[in-house]
Protein backbone atom coordinates (compact mmCIF):
# COMPACT_ATOMS: atom_id res chain seq x y z
CA UNK A 1 128.87 149.67 117.69
CA UNK A 2 127.10 147.24 117.21
CA UNK A 3 129.85 145.42 115.13
CA UNK A 4 131.84 146.32 118.27
CA UNK A 5 129.47 143.84 120.45
CA UNK A 6 129.38 141.49 117.86
CA UNK A 7 133.00 140.51 118.70
CA UNK A 8 132.97 141.50 122.50
CA UNK A 9 130.50 139.34 122.97
CA UNK A 10 132.22 136.54 122.30
CA UNK A 11 135.79 136.78 124.50
CA UNK A 12 133.08 137.18 127.54
CA UNK A 13 130.68 134.47 126.72
CA UNK A 14 135.02 132.97 128.20
CA UNK A 15 134.88 131.32 130.67
CA UNK A 16 139.15 132.42 131.32
CA UNK A 17 138.77 136.21 130.52
CA UNK A 18 135.31 136.18 132.59
CA UNK A 19 137.12 137.53 135.53
CA UNK A 20 139.21 139.92 133.32
CA UNK A 21 135.81 140.77 130.86
CA UNK A 22 134.22 141.95 134.38
CA UNK A 23 135.46 145.35 134.95
CA UNK A 24 135.59 145.75 130.70
CA UNK A 25 131.50 144.83 131.18
CA UNK A 26 131.20 147.62 133.18
CA UNK A 27 132.52 150.44 131.05
CA UNK A 28 130.07 148.07 128.33
CA UNK A 29 127.03 147.19 129.99
CA UNK A 30 125.41 147.61 126.41
CA UNK A 31 127.58 144.51 125.73
CA UNK A 32 125.52 143.01 128.34
């Protein structure tokens, strides 16, 4: 599962996807 977290991390860091990733962060608290 760590592999998925590493792939998601850079996407979340993108400012353009911040607003769209907000609901995703709620489902993936381990990414934080």
